[in-house]
């Protein structure tokens, strides 16, 4: 753990106005007034389209901004974190020169903030930012297929292949107007009602091979996804390893029943669930298998996941 000195005027707040399904103007004004009360000279910018937060963050890193704060949900946090790296997944700055990532939860899920024990209350989250207390956490780099192109991106919380990707695809179409939890549950039920298990081939750390029918594969730095589902209960975001959760072949009814165990994390004790720890995972599929990265849908299999140890500095609560 470390503390870093920073000036209040050398901070950038990247706000996603669509987080949480689109907040009211009154909520946005209140949030901005809280920020301005503590960071009078800090810059506040709004995202305008997908991946805009990454562009804004990357520019700020190059400009020497010391604190870059993601104001939004997991997708916004992931995009802002991605701006700390170049197009090949290399950190733009390291050591003392590297900026800190701040998190001000304002999204529908905020699962990564939950792992870091950052409260959803903006007032309390701002108090944590004021402590300037940071730690280095791991990130993930995934290479995937997007149409005819091979692409890659950073993720900071959780990526998954299979049922999770199909749920996100449905969620993107239906929106979150009913709130994060209910919207996700509806999308999950709709996804489960038509989902077919995938035949996957996985290689763990380039030596251990798994092949068969699976309902999903989760590659986790954090513990939670899907608005509070404890998919990787033992994951630690700075231990230098992914927690890899292999969900074996299940019927639709089994998946529905098992989904109730995800809130407590007890699904990992089921006989057709395997939990591993690894630094590198490759996944191939014989059919279309969508990739979910921090609640976003960038592409599909085949995928290569690589852990980036202690790659990003994040402001966290003091212990």
Protein backbone atom coordinates (compact mmCIF):
# COMPACT_ATOMS: atom_id res chain seq x y z
CA UNK A 1 0.00 0.00 0.00
CA UNK A 2 1.16 3.51 -0.61
CA UNK A 3 0.03 7.09 -0.33
CA UNK A 4 0.79 9.60 -3.00
CA UNK A 5 0.81 13.35 -2.91
CA UNK A 6 -1.41 15.01 -5.44
CA UNK A 7 -2.90 18.39 -6.04
CA UNK A 8 -6.63 18.72 -6.15
CA UNK A 9 -6.39 20.63 -9.41
CA UNK A 10 -4.48 17.82 -11.17
CA UNK A 11 -7.45 15.50 -11.45
CA UNK A 12 -9.80 14.52 -14.25
CA UNK A 13 -13.30 13.15 -13.66
CA UNK A 14 -14.66 11.17 -16.61
CA UNK A 15 -18.44 11.01 -16.25
CA UNK A 16 -20.69 8.62 -18.13
CA UNK A 17 -24.09 10.37 -18.16
CA UNK A 18 -25.76 7.13 -19.25
CA UNK A 19 -24.58 5.09 -16.24
CA UNK A 20 -27.33 3.51 -14.22
CA UNK A 21 -29.64 3.60 -17.23
CA UNK A 22 -29.23 7.36 -17.55
CA UNK A 23 -29.44 9.48 -14.43
CA UNK A 24 -31.74 12.45 -14.11
CA UNK A 25 -30.33 15.93 -14.64
CA UNK A 26 -30.97 16.61 -10.96
CA UNK A 27 -28.84 13.60 -9.94
CA UNK A 28 -26.06 14.64 -12.32
CA UNK A 29 -26.03 18.21 -10.97
CA UNK A 30 -25.89 16.95 -7.39
CA UNK A 31 -23.02 14.62 -8.21
CA UNK A 32 -21.08 17.36 -9.97
CA UNK A 33 -21.59 19.76 -7.07
CA UNK A 34 -20.12 17.16 -4.69
CA UNK A 35 -17.08 16.75 -6.94
CA UNK A 36 -16.55 20.50 -7.36
CA UNK A 37 -16.77 21.09 -3.61
CA UNK A 38 -13.65 18.98 -3.09
CA UNK A 39 -11.88 19.44 -6.41
CA UNK A 40 -12.58 23.06 -7.27
CA UNK A 41 -10.11 23.23 -10.16
CA UNK A 42 -10.36 19.68 -11.43
CA UNK A 43 -11.56 19.05 -14.95
CA UNK A 44 -14.88 17.24 -15.50
CA UNK A 45 -15.65 15.71 -18.91
CA UNK A 46 -18.58 13.67 -20.20
CA UNK A 47 -18.38 10.63 -22.43
CA UNK A 48 -20.26 10.90 -25.71
CA UNK A 49 -20.04 7.39 -27.17
CA UNK A 50 -18.62 3.93 -26.60
CA UNK A 51 -14.84 3.87 -25.95
CA UNK A 52 -14.76 7.65 -25.52
CA UNK A 53 -13.72 7.18 -21.88
CA UNK A 54 -10.62 5.29 -23.03
CA UNK A 55 -9.66 8.11 -25.40
CA UNK A 56 -10.14 10.74 -22.67
CA UNK A 57 -8.20 8.68 -20.13
CA UNK A 58 -5.30 7.94 -22.47
CA UNK A 59 -4.97 11.61 -23.33
CA UNK A 60 -4.98 12.52 -19.64
CA UNK A 61 -2.25 9.98 -18.86
CA UNK A 62 -0.06 11.43 -21.60
CA UNK A 63 -0.76 14.94 -20.28
CA UNK A 64 0.50 13.99 -16.82
CA UNK A 65 -2.81 14.07 -14.92
CA UNK A 66 -2.19 12.48 -11.53
CA UNK A 67 -5.71 11.29 -10.68
CA UNK A 68 -8.16 10.03 -13.30
CA UNK A 69 -11.56 9.19 -11.86
CA UNK A 70 -14.14 6.96 -13.52
CA UNK A 71 -17.64 8.19 -12.66
CA UNK A 72 -19.97 5.41 -13.72
CA UNK A 73 -20.39 1.65 -13.62
CA UNK A 74 -18.16 -1.29 -14.50
CA UNK A 75 -18.12 -0.48 -18.20
CA UNK A 76 -16.96 3.07 -17.54
CA UNK A 77 -14.31 1.92 -15.04
CA UNK A 78 -13.05 -0.62 -17.57
CA UNK A 79 -12.85 1.94 -20.37
CA UNK A 80 -11.04 4.48 -18.19
CA UNK A 81 -8.60 1.80 -16.99
CA UNK A 82 -7.97 0.86 -20.61
CA UNK A 83 -6.65 4.37 -21.24
CA UNK A 84 -3.75 3.70 -18.87
CA UNK A 85 -2.35 1.32 -21.52
CA UNK A 86 -1.30 1.62 -25.15
CA UNK A 87 -2.94 -0.24 -28.03
CA UNK A 88 -0.76 -3.30 -27.34
CA UNK A 89 -1.64 -3.50 -23.65
CA UNK A 90 1.56 -1.92 -22.32
CA UNK A 91 1.26 0.64 -19.48
CA UNK A 92 1.81 4.16 -20.77
CA UNK A 93 3.53 5.16 -17.53
CA UNK A 94 4.93 3.10 -14.67
CA UNK A 95 6.25 3.67 -11.16
CA UNK A 96 5.88 7.06 -9.54
CA UNK A 97 5.03 8.68 -12.87
CA UNK A 98 1.91 6.54 -13.29
CA UNK A 99 -1.44 8.17 -12.49
CA UNK A 100 -3.92 6.75 -10.02
CA UNK A 101 -7.32 5.43 -11.04
CA UNK A 102 -10.15 6.73 -8.87
CA UNK A 103 -13.59 5.15 -8.78
CA UNK A 104 -16.82 7.02 -8.10
CA UNK A 105 -19.59 4.41 -8.48
CA UNK A 106 -22.55 5.79 -10.41
CA UNK A 107 -23.52 2.80 -12.51
CA UNK A 108 -26.16 0.13 -12.38
CA UNK A 109 -23.83 -2.63 -11.24
CA UNK A 110 -20.55 -1.28 -9.79
CA UNK A 111 -19.34 -4.83 -9.13
CA UNK A 112 -15.63 -3.98 -9.25
CA UNK A 113 -16.14 -1.21 -6.69
CA UNK A 114 -17.78 -3.81 -4.46
CA UNK A 115 -14.69 -6.03 -4.62
CA UNK A 116 -12.55 -3.04 -3.63
CA UNK A 117 -15.05 -2.14 -0.86
CA UNK A 118 -15.72 1.29 -2.35
CA UNK A 119 -19.24 2.33 -1.28
CA UNK A 120 -21.93 3.40 -3.74
CA UNK A 121 -22.49 6.60 -1.76
CA UNK A 122 -20.78 9.35 -3.76
CA UNK A 123 -20.03 11.29 -0.59
CA UNK A 124 -18.24 8.32 0.99
CA UNK A 125 -16.47 7.40 -2.26
CA UNK A 126 -15.19 10.98 -2.53
CA UNK A 127 -13.86 10.76 1.01
CA UNK A 128 -11.85 7.71 -0.07
CA UNK A 129 -10.45 9.64 -3.04
CA UNK A 130 -9.33 12.36 -0.63
CA UNK A 131 -7.21 9.87 1.35
CA UNK A 132 -4.99 9.39 -1.73
CA UNK A 133 -4.45 5.81 -0.50
CA UNK A 134 -3.58 3.49 -3.37
CA UNK A 135 -2.61 -0.07 -4.15
CA UNK A 136 -1.42 -1.79 -7.29
CA UNK A 137 -3.92 -4.23 -8.77
CA UNK A 138 -3.84 -6.72 -11.62
CA UNK A 139 -5.50 -6.19 -14.98
CA UNK A 140 -6.30 -8.54 -17.82
CA UNK A 141 -5.53 -8.37 -21.53
CA UNK A 142 -7.77 -10.32 -23.88
CA UNK A 143 -7.30 -10.94 -27.60
CA UNK A 144 -10.51 -11.87 -29.39
CA UNK A 145 -12.32 -12.06 -32.69
CA UNK A 146 -14.42 -9.12 -33.86
CA UNK A 147 -15.88 -9.81 -37.27
CA UNK A 148 -12.96 -10.58 -39.57
CA UNK A 149 -10.45 -8.85 -37.28
CA UNK A 150 -8.36 -9.93 -34.31
CA UNK A 151 -8.53 -7.26 -31.61
CA UNK A 152 -7.55 -6.84 -27.98
CA UNK A 153 -8.61 -4.85 -24.96
CA UNK A 154 -7.94 -4.39 -21.27
CA UNK A 155 -10.37 -5.60 -18.62
CA UNK A 156 -10.05 -4.95 -14.92
CA UNK A 157 -12.80 -6.98 -13.25
CA UNK A 158 -14.21 -10.05 -15.01
CA UNK A 159 -14.40 -11.50 -18.51
CA UNK A 160 -16.46 -14.52 -19.45
CA UNK A 161 -17.44 -16.66 -22.39
CA UNK A 162 -20.73 -18.48 -22.89
CA UNK A 163 -23.97 -17.74 -21.09
CA UNK A 164 -22.61 -14.46 -19.67
CA UNK A 165 -21.96 -13.05 -23.12
CA UNK A 166 -25.43 -13.96 -24.34
CA UNK A 167 -27.02 -12.35 -21.28
CA UNK A 168 -25.09 -9.14 -21.95
CA UNK A 169 -26.20 -9.22 -25.60
CA UNK A 170 -29.84 -9.39 -24.45
CA UNK A 171 -29.25 -6.72 -21.78
CA UNK A 172 -27.79 -4.33 -24.36
CA UNK A 173 -30.93 -4.70 -26.46
CA UNK A 174 -33.46 -4.43 -23.64
CA UNK A 175 -31.71 -1.74 -21.58
CA UNK A 176 -31.74 -1.26 -17.80
CA UNK A 177 -34.82 0.87 -17.35
CA UNK A 178 -36.07 -1.45 -14.60
CA UNK A 179 -32.89 -1.03 -12.57
CA UNK A 180 -29.67 -3.04 -12.57
CA UNK A 181 -30.73 -6.07 -10.57
CA UNK A 182 -34.16 -6.66 -12.12
CA UNK A 183 -32.98 -5.89 -15.66
CA UNK A 184 -30.11 -8.37 -15.32
CA UNK A 185 -32.38 -11.07 -13.87
CA UNK A 186 -34.82 -10.68 -16.77
CA UNK A 187 -31.99 -10.83 -19.29
CA UNK A 188 -30.58 -13.91 -17.58
CA UNK A 189 -33.91 -15.74 -17.65
CA UNK A 190 -34.35 -14.86 -21.31
CA UNK A 191 -30.82 -16.04 -22.05
CA UNK A 192 -31.21 -19.28 -20.14
CA UNK A 193 -34.47 -20.07 -21.91
CA UNK A 194 -32.66 -20.44 -25.24
CA UNK A 195 -29.03 -21.06 -24.33
CA UNK A 196 -27.14 -24.07 -25.67
CA UNK A 197 -23.99 -25.31 -23.95
CA UNK A 198 -20.79 -24.69 -25.90
CA UNK A 199 -18.14 -27.19 -26.91
CA UNK A 200 -14.98 -25.48 -25.71
CA UNK A 201 -11.29 -26.25 -25.77
CA UNK A 202 -9.27 -24.47 -23.08
CA UNK A 203 -5.56 -24.44 -22.32
CA UNK A 204 -4.49 -23.18 -18.90
CA UNK A 205 -1.01 -21.67 -18.59
CA UNK A 206 -0.11 -23.35 -21.90
CA UNK A 207 -0.02 -26.84 -20.37
CA UNK A 208 -3.27 -27.97 -18.74
CA UNK A 209 -6.02 -28.77 -21.26
CA UNK A 210 -9.80 -28.98 -20.81
CA UNK A 211 -12.17 -29.97 -23.58
CA UNK A 212 -15.91 -30.63 -23.51
CA UNK A 213 -19.32 -29.07 -23.16
CA UNK A 214 -19.54 -26.02 -20.91
CA UNK A 215 -22.19 -23.48 -20.04
CA UNK A 216 -19.58 -20.83 -19.36
CA UNK A 217 -16.00 -19.90 -18.50
CA UNK A 218 -15.23 -16.97 -16.19
CA UNK A 219 -11.81 -15.28 -15.97
CA UNK A 220 -11.85 -13.15 -12.84
CA UNK A 221 -9.76 -10.51 -11.09
CA UNK A 222 -12.70 -9.39 -8.95
CA UNK A 223 -15.31 -11.40 -7.08
CA UNK A 224 -18.59 -10.05 -8.49
CA UNK A 225 -20.39 -9.56 -11.77
CA UNK A 226 -23.99 -9.27 -12.96
CA UNK A 227 -25.04 -6.77 -10.27
CA UNK A 228 -23.74 -8.59 -7.23
CA UNK A 229 -23.37 -12.23 -8.28
CA UNK A 230 -20.40 -13.68 -6.39
CA UNK A 231 -19.06 -15.65 -9.32
CA UNK A 232 -15.45 -15.91 -8.04
CA UNK A 233 -15.72 -15.70 -4.24
CA UNK A 234 -12.01 -16.30 -3.59
CA UNK A 235 -10.63 -13.95 -6.24
CA UNK A 236 -8.05 -11.41 -5.08
CA UNK A 237 -7.40 -8.49 -7.41
CA UNK A 238 -3.67 -8.16 -6.63
CA UNK A 239 -2.45 -11.76 -6.24
CA UNK A 240 -0.97 -12.11 -9.73
CA UNK A 241 -3.46 -14.78 -10.81
CA UNK A 242 -6.84 -15.01 -12.47
CA UNK A 243 -9.50 -17.11 -10.79
CA UNK A 244 -10.85 -19.28 -13.61
CA UNK A 245 -14.32 -20.72 -13.03
CA UNK A 246 -15.39 -23.48 -15.42
CA UNK A 247 -19.15 -24.04 -15.41
CA UNK A 248 -19.75 -27.52 -16.78
CA UNK A 249 -22.56 -28.69 -19.03
CA UNK A 250 -25.97 -27.99 -17.51
CA UNK A 251 -29.58 -28.16 -18.55
CA UNK A 252 -31.56 -24.94 -18.65
CA UNK A 253 -33.29 -25.92 -15.40
CA UNK A 254 -29.93 -26.65 -13.72
CA UNK A 255 -28.60 -23.26 -14.81
CA UNK A 256 -31.67 -21.49 -13.40
CA UNK A 257 -31.33 -23.35 -10.08
CA UNK A 258 -27.59 -22.69 -9.93
CA UNK A 259 -28.06 -19.00 -10.64
CA UNK A 260 -29.62 -18.65 -7.17
CA UNK A 261 -26.33 -19.86 -5.65
CA UNK A 262 -24.31 -17.15 -7.33
CA UNK A 263 -25.38 -14.51 -4.81
CA UNK A 264 -23.56 -16.37 -2.03
CA UNK A 265 -20.80 -17.93 -4.12
CA UNK A 266 -21.75 -21.46 -3.08
CA UNK A 267 -21.94 -22.63 -6.72
CA UNK A 268 -18.19 -23.36 -6.60
CA UNK A 269 -18.88 -26.43 -4.44
CA UNK A 270 -21.04 -28.10 -7.09
CA UNK A 271 -19.58 -31.18 -8.78
CA UNK A 272 -19.62 -29.75 -12.31
CA UNK A 273 -17.87 -26.50 -11.38
CA UNK A 274 -14.08 -26.32 -11.47
CA UNK A 275 -12.07 -23.41 -10.07
CA UNK A 276 -8.46 -22.89 -11.14
CA UNK A 277 -5.86 -20.14 -10.85
CA UNK A 278 -3.78 -19.14 -13.84
CA UNK A 279 -1.92 -16.36 -15.64
CA UNK A 280 -2.85 -17.31 -19.19
CA UNK A 281 -5.95 -18.96 -20.68
CA UNK A 282 -6.82 -19.70 -24.28
CA UNK A 283 -10.38 -20.61 -25.27
CA UNK A 284 -11.66 -21.97 -28.59
CA UNK A 285 -15.24 -22.86 -29.48
CA UNK A 286 -16.78 -24.94 -32.25
CA UNK A 287 -19.79 -22.57 -32.32
CA UNK A 288 -20.43 -18.86 -31.76
CA UNK A 289 -19.36 -18.05 -28.18
CA UNK A 290 -19.64 -14.41 -27.12
CA UNK A 291 -17.10 -12.60 -24.96
CA UNK A 292 -18.25 -10.38 -22.08
CA UNK A 293 -15.63 -7.96 -20.71
CA UNK A 294 -16.65 -5.96 -17.65
CA UNK A 295 -20.27 -5.92 -18.81
CA UNK A 296 -19.42 -4.99 -22.41
CA UNK A 297 -19.63 -7.16 -25.54
CA UNK A 298 -16.52 -6.59 -27.70
CA UNK A 299 -16.43 -9.83 -29.70
CA UNK A 300 -16.25 -13.62 -29.50
CA UNK A 301 -14.02 -16.70 -29.46
CA UNK A 302 -11.29 -17.67 -30.05
CA UNK A 303 -9.85 -15.73 -27.10
CA UNK A 304 -6.49 -15.43 -25.34
CA UNK A 305 -6.40 -14.03 -21.80
CA UNK A 306 -3.17 -12.77 -20.23
CA UNK A 307 -2.78 -11.47 -16.68
CA UNK A 308 -0.98 -8.15 -16.23
CA UNK A 309 0.31 -8.22 -12.63
CA UNK A 310 0.08 -5.07 -10.50
CA UNK A 311 -0.45 -3.09 -13.68
CA UNK A 312 -2.61 -0.24 -12.42
CA UNK A 313 -2.71 1.98 -9.31
CA UNK A 314 -6.17 2.36 -7.78
CA UNK A 315 -7.37 4.57 -4.92
CA UNK A 316 -8.87 2.28 -2.28
CA UNK A 317 -10.14 2.50 1.29
CA UNK A 318 -7.52 2.34 4.03
CA UNK A 319 -7.41 -0.97 5.86
